[in-house]
């Protein structure tokens, strides 16, 4: 894992073309359904001298949910789940970043889903920094965190004949982030 160098200081912008903000959950108790949100904006502010002063902000458009099934996606946008017309965004705003060891961090902050805000801590791995062919300084981050959807008011379910449920309460959030340094004279995003 790479170390956070002084030249990494400043703001970085999520590159939507090379970033996945996803999730997975058990369906019918026997398989996993995976999905992602395709419309989002995020920034990372890096302070290599004091990582705890670094910050992450993320805004996700709920209507962009994509599980590769149009009927399921439409159901997820309804009041049964995200209620996208009334709560069009999911947000995350960090309030602290703790460096666990070299390249490993815990990013803690407030997640708001469906108007409910909860504190969540997400383990994040810093994958390193490279200059891409367009001249962008690009950093990679990966992480995941399991949450309980009931904590955010996503309660819809149906009972199966076996006594189990159709949709698990446990959701794994998945982050694969490619971020471009904003103040680096960056070239084009999304190539």
Foldseek 3Di string as FASTA:
>chain_A
DDADDPVNAAKWKWQLLQKWWKKWWDFPNPDIFIKTARDKIKMWGADNVFRFPIWIKMKTFLLRICRPDVVVSVVCCPPLHQVCVVFGIWIWIFNTWADPDGQKIWTWTWIATSNQIDIDIKIKGWPDWDQDPQRWTKTWMWTKDKDFRVNNVNDDWDADPVRHIRIHRIMMTIIITIITHDPPPGGDGND
